[in-house]
Amino acid sequence: MTGPHLALVGPSGSGKSRLAFDLARRCGDVEIVSVDSMCVYRYMDIGTAKPPPSERDAVPHHLLDVAFPWEEYTVARFGQAALAALADIEARGRRAIFAGGTGLYLRAVVDGLEIPPRYPPIAGQLSEEAEGPSGAAELYSRLCELDPLAAERILPGNVRRVVRALEVTLGSGRPFSSFGPGLMEYKANSRFAMVGIPLVDRARYDEIIAQRFVSWMEAGLLDEVRMLASLPQGLSRTARQALGYRELLAHLEGRLTLDEAIDSAVARTRDYGRRQWSWFRRDPRITWLDSSGDLACQVINLWREAPTPEGSQAAKSLRRQLPDALVTTL
């Protein structure tokens, strides 16, 4: 490998997978690593917009269909699998495109986050305590005593994060803050060039999300969810939360009409896309593309000029590797 890997990010439905496939075909020495918390699951194909077999045959893809839907899949598990895939790709002298919208998964790879373990019984007890009249305030006071540094980084009203910090502190026996600055810090990393597809036209984006869900329904998404619901092992907590799947499961269980399920799924996907946009915008390492131009050419230029772990000579080598038709004037 002579150049940096690429991290291609953006909101759900922005075209990351399509662009990654186009780039991989053009560049020739590239493999794709999915950064999607639901594409890891087998049998969940339509509503995750998983690449079709034709694309997976044409370009090697990693971290698709690596878990059964009755399994819990964690950030730590993804991080280990992604680093193993990256080592394999590098060993064959190739580059990787990490494409997807699960921001925490990407940070686990790019920043090597030390992911604190989970302690479900403790988390459950803390969540119950938070439901009390003054439970949230009491939990925050407890965090201030046990881990003042973590308390400084968390707003008192962010109950979910307070519970998580206490869960780790009590379960591991070490302060939550001792696991490092985590998401608070964006370290330079020349191993990756980071590029993003922006969310610029919100009205158009909302329309795309709605149309995409309709196309999934026409492709048989409801039948896919019905099959998943019939699995004797059941669905894991993480798999049940997948966008669209949760709502259609509620319909099959009689808690929502089909129209209500569709409307809810579309609305939740739109909200999720906006949260992804907010998440990625905070990362100063990401260069945002001009959505009105040729995205592939923009990415190739940015990727070609990105600093590399090997230095400027490697950058020149990478430039020579690219097809002449892809080298444009900056």
Protein backbone atom coordinates (compact mmCIF):
# COMPACT_ATOMS: atom_id res chain seq x y z
CA MET A 1 0.00 0.00 0.00
CA THR A 2 1.45 3.36 -1.02
CA GLY A 3 -1.30 5.80 -0.10
CA PRO A 4 -3.76 6.50 2.67
CA HIS A 5 -7.03 4.71 3.00
CA LEU A 6 -10.25 6.63 2.41
CA ALA A 7 -13.11 7.21 4.83
CA LEU A 8 -16.24 8.22 2.92
CA VAL A 9 -19.03 9.49 5.16
CA GLY A 10 -22.38 11.24 4.93
CA PRO A 11 -26.04 10.99 5.92
CA SER A 12 -28.15 7.92 5.22
CA GLY A 13 -29.29 7.92 1.60
CA SER A 14 -26.60 10.34 0.40
CA GLY A 15 -25.07 7.87 -2.05
CA LYS A 16 -21.96 6.74 -0.15
CA SER A 17 -22.13 3.10 -1.22
CA ARG A 18 -22.71 3.96 -4.88
CA LEU A 19 -19.80 6.43 -4.87
CA ALA A 20 -17.51 3.97 -3.07
CA PHE A 21 -18.25 1.31 -5.68
CA ASP A 22 -17.59 3.76 -8.52
CA LEU A 23 -14.27 4.79 -6.96
CA ALA A 24 -13.21 1.19 -6.38
CA ARG A 25 -13.88 0.25 -10.01
CA ARG A 26 -12.00 3.26 -11.31
CA CYS A 27 -8.96 2.95 -9.07
CA GLY A 28 -8.55 -0.81 -9.36
CA ASP A 29 -6.49 -1.42 -6.22
CA VAL A 30 -9.30 -0.67 -3.77
CA GLU A 31 -11.56 -2.77 -1.56
CA ILE A 32 -14.62 -1.55 0.35
CA VAL A 33 -15.18 -1.88 4.08
CA SER A 34 -18.77 -1.27 5.15
CA VAL A 35 -19.20 1.01 8.15
CA ASP A 36 -22.85 0.28 8.83
CA SER A 37 -24.13 -1.15 12.10
CA MET A 38 -26.97 -3.03 10.36
CA CYS A 39 -25.26 -4.26 7.20
CA VAL A 40 -23.31 -6.60 9.46
CA TYR A 41 -26.48 -8.72 9.81
CA ARG A 42 -27.33 -11.59 7.51
CA TYR A 43 -30.84 -11.70 6.04
CA MET A 44 -31.25 -7.92 6.52
CA ASP A 45 -30.67 -6.83 2.94
CA ILE A 46 -33.37 -4.60 1.52
CA GLY A 47 -33.82 -2.08 4.34
CA THR A 48 -30.07 -1.73 4.89
CA ALA A 49 -29.45 -0.93 1.20
CA LYS A 50 -26.83 -3.66 1.18
CA PRO A 51 -24.81 -3.78 -2.08
CA PRO A 52 -26.22 -6.36 -4.53
CA PRO A 53 -24.30 -9.56 -5.33
CA SER A 54 -23.16 -8.15 -8.68
CA GLU A 55 -21.28 -5.32 -6.97
CA ARG A 56 -19.87 -7.59 -4.29
CA ASP A 57 -18.60 -9.92 -7.01
CA ALA A 58 -17.00 -7.03 -8.92
CA VAL A 59 -15.29 -5.40 -5.92
CA PRO A 60 -14.29 -7.10 -2.65
CA HIS A 61 -16.51 -5.96 0.24
CA HIS A 62 -15.81 -6.48 3.93
CA LEU A 63 -17.99 -6.57 7.07
CA LEU A 64 -21.21 -7.47 5.34
CA ASP A 65 -23.22 -10.44 6.65
CA VAL A 66 -20.79 -11.17 9.50
CA ALA A 67 -23.40 -11.68 12.24
CA PHE A 68 -26.75 -13.37 12.67
CA PRO A 69 -29.71 -11.10 13.49
CA TRP A 70 -30.16 -12.74 16.89
CA GLU A 71 -26.66 -11.64 17.93
CA GLU A 72 -25.78 -8.40 19.68
CA TYR A 73 -23.23 -6.47 17.65
CA THR A 74 -21.08 -3.91 19.45
CA VAL A 75 -18.68 -1.12 18.57
CA ALA A 76 -15.83 -3.12 20.08
CA ARG A 77 -16.63 -6.13 17.91
CA PHE A 78 -16.77 -3.97 14.82
CA GLY A 79 -13.48 -2.27 15.66
CA GLN A 80 -11.68 -5.60 15.97
CA ALA A 81 -13.18 -6.95 12.74
CA ALA A 82 -12.46 -3.74 10.82
CA LEU A 83 -8.82 -3.64 11.89
CA ALA A 84 -8.42 -7.28 10.89
CA ALA A 85 -9.92 -6.53 7.48
CA LEU A 86 -7.63 -3.53 7.10
CA ALA A 87 -4.56 -5.59 7.92
CA ASP A 88 -5.61 -8.15 5.31
CA ILE A 89 -6.12 -5.46 2.68
CA GLU A 90 -2.77 -3.85 3.41
CA ALA A 91 -0.99 -7.21 3.35
CA ARG A 92 -2.11 -7.58 -0.26
CA GLY A 93 -0.81 -4.11 -1.16
CA ARG A 94 -4.26 -2.62 -1.63
CA ARG A 95 -6.19 0.34 -0.21
CA ALA A 96 -9.52 0.46 1.58
CA ILE A 97 -12.55 2.68 1.31
CA PHE A 98 -14.41 2.76 4.61
CA ALA A 99 -17.89 3.74 3.49
CA GLY A 100 -20.86 4.21 5.77
CA GLY A 101 -22.73 6.39 8.17
CA THR A 102 -22.26 4.78 11.58
CA GLY A 103 -20.04 7.48 13.00
CA LEU A 104 -19.02 5.74 16.21
CA TYR A 105 -17.92 2.65 14.28
CA LEU A 106 -15.71 4.79 12.06
CA ARG A 107 -14.18 6.61 15.02
CA ALA A 108 -13.35 3.25 16.58
CA VAL A 109 -11.15 2.48 13.57
CA VAL A 110 -9.73 5.89 12.68
CA ASP A 111 -9.00 6.91 16.28
CA GLY A 112 -8.46 3.50 17.84
CA LEU A 113 -10.94 4.27 20.60
CA GLU A 114 -10.73 2.18 23.72
CA ILE A 115 -14.35 1.15 23.97
CA PRO A 116 -15.48 0.66 27.57
CA PRO A 117 -17.22 -2.67 28.17
CA ARG A 118 -20.95 -2.99 28.80
CA TYR A 119 -22.52 -4.02 32.10
CA PRO A 120 -26.22 -4.58 31.31
CA PRO A 121 -27.45 -5.33 34.86
CA ILE A 122 -25.82 -2.16 36.19
CA ALA A 123 -27.12 -0.10 33.26
CA GLY A 124 -30.62 -1.45 33.82
CA GLN A 125 -30.57 -0.57 37.50
CA LEU A 126 -29.26 2.94 36.79
CA SER A 127 -31.90 3.51 34.13
CA GLU A 128 -34.61 2.55 36.61
CA GLU A 129 -33.17 4.97 39.16
CA ALA A 130 -33.15 7.73 36.54
CA GLU A 131 -36.91 7.35 36.13
CA GLY A 132 -37.53 8.53 39.71
CA PRO A 133 -38.64 12.11 40.55
CA SER A 134 -35.11 13.30 41.23
CA GLY A 135 -33.31 10.28 39.81
CA ALA A 136 -31.43 12.05 37.02
CA ALA A 137 -30.10 14.72 39.36
CA GLU A 138 -29.05 12.13 41.92
CA LEU A 139 -27.22 10.10 39.32
CA TYR A 140 -25.36 13.16 38.10
CA SER A 141 -24.34 14.03 41.68
CA ARG A 142 -23.07 10.49 42.07
CA LEU A 143 -21.02 10.82 38.90
CA CYS A 144 -19.55 14.08 40.18
CA GLU A 145 -18.30 12.21 43.23
CA LEU A 146 -16.96 9.15 41.44
CA ASP A 147 -15.59 10.73 38.26
CA PRO A 148 -15.46 14.55 38.35
CA LEU A 149 -13.68 14.74 34.98
CA ALA A 150 -16.41 12.77 33.23
CA ALA A 151 -19.05 14.92 34.93
CA GLU A 152 -17.37 18.05 33.54
CA ARG A 153 -17.71 16.65 30.01
CA ILE A 154 -21.38 15.64 30.31
CA LEU A 155 -24.38 17.93 30.58
CA PRO A 156 -26.47 17.13 33.68
CA GLY A 157 -29.57 16.72 31.52
CA ASN A 158 -27.98 14.11 29.25
CA VAL A 159 -29.29 11.17 31.24
CA ARG A 160 -28.18 8.55 28.72
CA ARG A 161 -24.55 9.62 28.92
CA VAL A 162 -24.66 9.98 32.70
CA VAL A 163 -25.99 6.44 32.99
CA ARG A 164 -23.34 5.15 30.60
CA ALA A 165 -20.52 6.86 32.52
CA LEU A 166 -21.74 5.44 35.83
CA GLU A 167 -22.28 2.01 34.28
CA VAL A 168 -18.63 1.87 33.21
CA THR A 169 -17.29 3.41 36.41
CA LEU A 170 -19.17 1.02 38.66
CA GLY A 171 -18.78 -2.03 36.45
CA SER A 172 -15.09 -1.72 35.59
CA GLY A 173 -13.89 -0.27 38.84
CA ARG A 174 -12.12 2.54 37.02
CA PRO A 175 -13.38 6.03 36.10
CA PHE A 176 -15.17 6.40 32.80
CA SER A 177 -12.82 9.28 31.94
CA SER A 178 -9.80 6.96 32.28
CA PHE A 179 -10.74 5.37 28.96
CA GLY A 180 -9.41 8.52 27.29
CA PRO A 181 -10.91 11.68 25.78
CA GLY A 182 -12.76 9.49 23.30
CA LEU A 183 -15.12 11.46 21.10
CA MET A 184 -13.99 14.77 22.55
CA GLU A 185 -10.72 14.73 20.61
CA TYR A 186 -10.00 14.60 16.87
CA LYS A 187 -6.42 13.48 16.35
CA ALA A 188 -4.64 13.91 13.05
CA ASN A 189 -4.34 10.57 11.27
CA SER A 190 -2.45 10.41 7.99
CA ARG A 191 -3.48 6.78 7.58
CA PHE A 192 -6.91 7.98 6.39
CA ALA A 193 -8.15 10.66 4.02
CA MET A 194 -11.62 11.66 5.24
CA VAL A 195 -14.21 12.93 2.77
CA GLY A 196 -17.90 13.63 3.25
CA ILE A 197 -21.06 13.99 1.14
CA PRO A 198 -22.96 16.96 2.62
CA LEU A 199 -26.62 17.37 3.40
CA VAL A 200 -27.38 20.63 1.60
CA ASP A 201 -30.95 20.54 0.32
CA ARG A 202 -33.10 19.28 3.19
CA ALA A 203 -36.35 19.28 1.25
CA ARG A 204 -34.77 17.20 -1.51
CA TYR A 205 -33.19 14.91 1.10
CA ASP A 206 -36.55 14.29 2.75
CA GLU A 207 -37.99 13.39 -0.64
CA ILE A 208 -35.15 10.96 -1.37
CA ILE A 209 -35.65 9.17 1.94
CA ALA A 210 -39.39 8.81 1.35
CA GLN A 211 -38.93 7.56 -2.22
CA ARG A 212 -36.25 5.12 -1.15
CA PHE A 213 -38.49 3.56 1.48
CA VAL A 214 -41.29 3.17 -1.03
CA SER A 215 -38.89 1.37 -3.37
CA TRP A 216 -37.84 -0.94 -0.53
CA MET A 217 -41.45 -1.80 0.20
CA GLU A 218 -42.00 -2.59 -3.46
CA ALA A 219 -38.88 -4.78 -3.40
CA GLY A 220 -40.34 -6.89 -0.57
CA LEU A 221 -39.11 -5.27 2.67
CA LEU A 222 -42.25 -6.27 4.57
CA ASP A 223 -41.75 -9.92 3.61
CA GLU A 224 -38.12 -9.69 4.67
CA VAL A 225 -39.15 -8.35 8.08
CA ARG A 226 -41.85 -11.02 8.37
CA MET A 227 -39.19 -13.69 7.76
CA LEU A 228 -36.95 -12.17 10.43
CA ALA A 229 -39.83 -12.05 12.89
CA SER A 230 -40.38 -15.78 12.36
CA LEU A 231 -36.83 -16.78 13.30
CA PRO A 232 -36.97 -19.12 16.29
CA GLN A 233 -33.96 -17.40 17.89
CA GLY A 234 -35.69 -14.01 17.75
CA LEU A 235 -33.97 -10.71 16.98
CA SER A 236 -31.32 -9.11 19.14
CA ARG A 237 -31.86 -5.74 20.76
CA THR A 238 -29.49 -4.09 18.28
CA ALA A 239 -31.01 -5.73 15.20
CA ARG A 240 -34.54 -4.77 16.26
CA GLN A 241 -33.54 -1.10 16.27
CA ALA A 242 -32.71 -0.99 12.55
CA LEU A 243 -34.40 1.85 10.70
CA GLY A 244 -37.57 0.60 9.06
CA TYR A 245 -37.31 -2.84 10.60
CA ARG A 246 -38.40 -1.63 14.04
CA GLU A 247 -41.48 0.05 12.63
CA LEU A 248 -42.49 -2.86 10.40
CA LEU A 249 -42.03 -5.25 13.31
CA ALA A 250 -44.42 -3.05 15.29
CA HIS A 251 -46.91 -3.36 12.42
CA LEU A 252 -46.60 -7.15 12.32
CA GLU A 253 -47.09 -7.24 16.09
CA GLY A 254 -50.30 -5.22 15.72
CA ARG A 255 -49.04 -2.04 17.35
CA LEU A 256 -49.05 0.11 14.20
CA THR A 257 -51.00 0.16 10.96
CA LEU A 258 -48.91 -0.27 7.83
CA ASP A 259 -49.27 3.42 6.92
CA GLU A 260 -48.28 4.44 10.45
CA ALA A 261 -45.25 2.15 10.31
CA ILE A 262 -44.11 3.58 6.98
CA ASP A 263 -44.60 7.18 8.09
CA SER A 264 -42.73 6.51 11.32
CA ALA A 265 -39.86 4.76 9.53
CA VAL A 266 -39.45 7.60 7.04
CA ALA A 267 -39.55 10.22 9.80
CA ARG A 268 -37.00 8.36 11.94
CA THR A 269 -34.69 7.91 8.97
CA ARG A 270 -34.85 11.62 8.17
CA ASP A 271 -34.07 12.49 11.80
CA TYR A 272 -31.23 9.99 11.81
CA GLY A 273 -29.75 11.53 8.66
CA ARG A 274 -29.78 14.97 10.28
CA ARG A 275 -28.06 13.59 13.38
CA GLN A 276 -25.43 11.95 11.17
CA TRP A 277 -24.85 15.29 9.44
CA SER A 278 -24.43 17.02 12.82
CA TRP A 279 -22.08 14.28 14.05
CA PHE A 280 -19.79 14.37 11.02
CA ARG A 281 -19.78 18.17 10.77
CA ARG A 282 -18.02 18.32 14.15
CA ASP A 283 -15.04 16.41 12.77
CA PRO A 284 -12.54 18.98 11.41
CA ARG A 285 -10.63 16.28 9.53
CA ILE A 286 -13.43 15.72 7.02
CA THR A 287 -13.31 17.56 3.69
CA TRP A 288 -16.81 18.13 2.32
CA LEU A 289 -17.54 17.64 -1.35
CA ASP A 290 -19.31 20.09 -3.62
CA SER A 291 -22.56 18.24 -4.24
CA SER A 292 -23.10 20.09 -7.54
CA GLY A 293 -19.89 18.74 -9.09
CA ASP A 294 -18.49 15.36 -10.13
CA LEU A 295 -18.16 13.63 -6.77
CA ALA A 296 -15.85 10.85 -7.96
CA CYS A 297 -13.34 13.26 -9.50
CA GLN A 298 -13.41 15.44 -6.40
CA VAL A 299 -12.71 12.48 -4.14
CA ILE A 300 -9.91 11.19 -6.34
CA ASN A 301 -8.20 14.58 -6.34
CA LEU A 302 -8.53 14.90 -2.56
CA TRP A 303 -7.38 11.33 -2.02
CA ARG A 304 -4.42 11.76 -4.33
CA GLU A 305 -3.24 14.91 -2.58
CA ALA A 306 -3.84 13.70 0.99
CA PRO A 307 -0.79 13.34 3.24
CA THR A 308 0.31 9.74 3.51
CA PRO A 309 2.04 7.76 6.26
CA GLU A 310 5.02 7.27 3.97
CA GLY A 311 5.44 10.94 3.09
CA SER A 312 5.53 13.00 -0.06
CA GLN A 313 7.33 10.39 -2.16
CA ALA A 314 4.44 7.98 -1.57
CA ALA A 315 1.99 10.67 -2.61
CA LYS A 316 3.81 10.97 -5.91
CA SER A 317 3.75 7.22 -6.28
CA LEU A 318 0.01 7.17 -5.65
CA ARG A 319 -0.48 9.87 -8.27
CA ARG A 320 1.33 7.73 -10.83
CA GLN A 321 -0.93 4.77 -10.04
CA LEU A 322 -4.12 6.59 -10.98
CA PRO A 323 -5.45 6.27 -14.55
CA ASP A 324 -4.67 9.34 -16.65
CA ALA A 325 -8.37 9.94 -17.24
CA LEU A 326 -8.86 10.50 -13.52
CA VAL A 327 -6.11 13.08 -13.03
CA THR A 328 -7.74 16.49 -13.20
CA THR A 329 -6.37 19.97 -12.76
CA LEU A 330 -6.83 21.29 -9.24
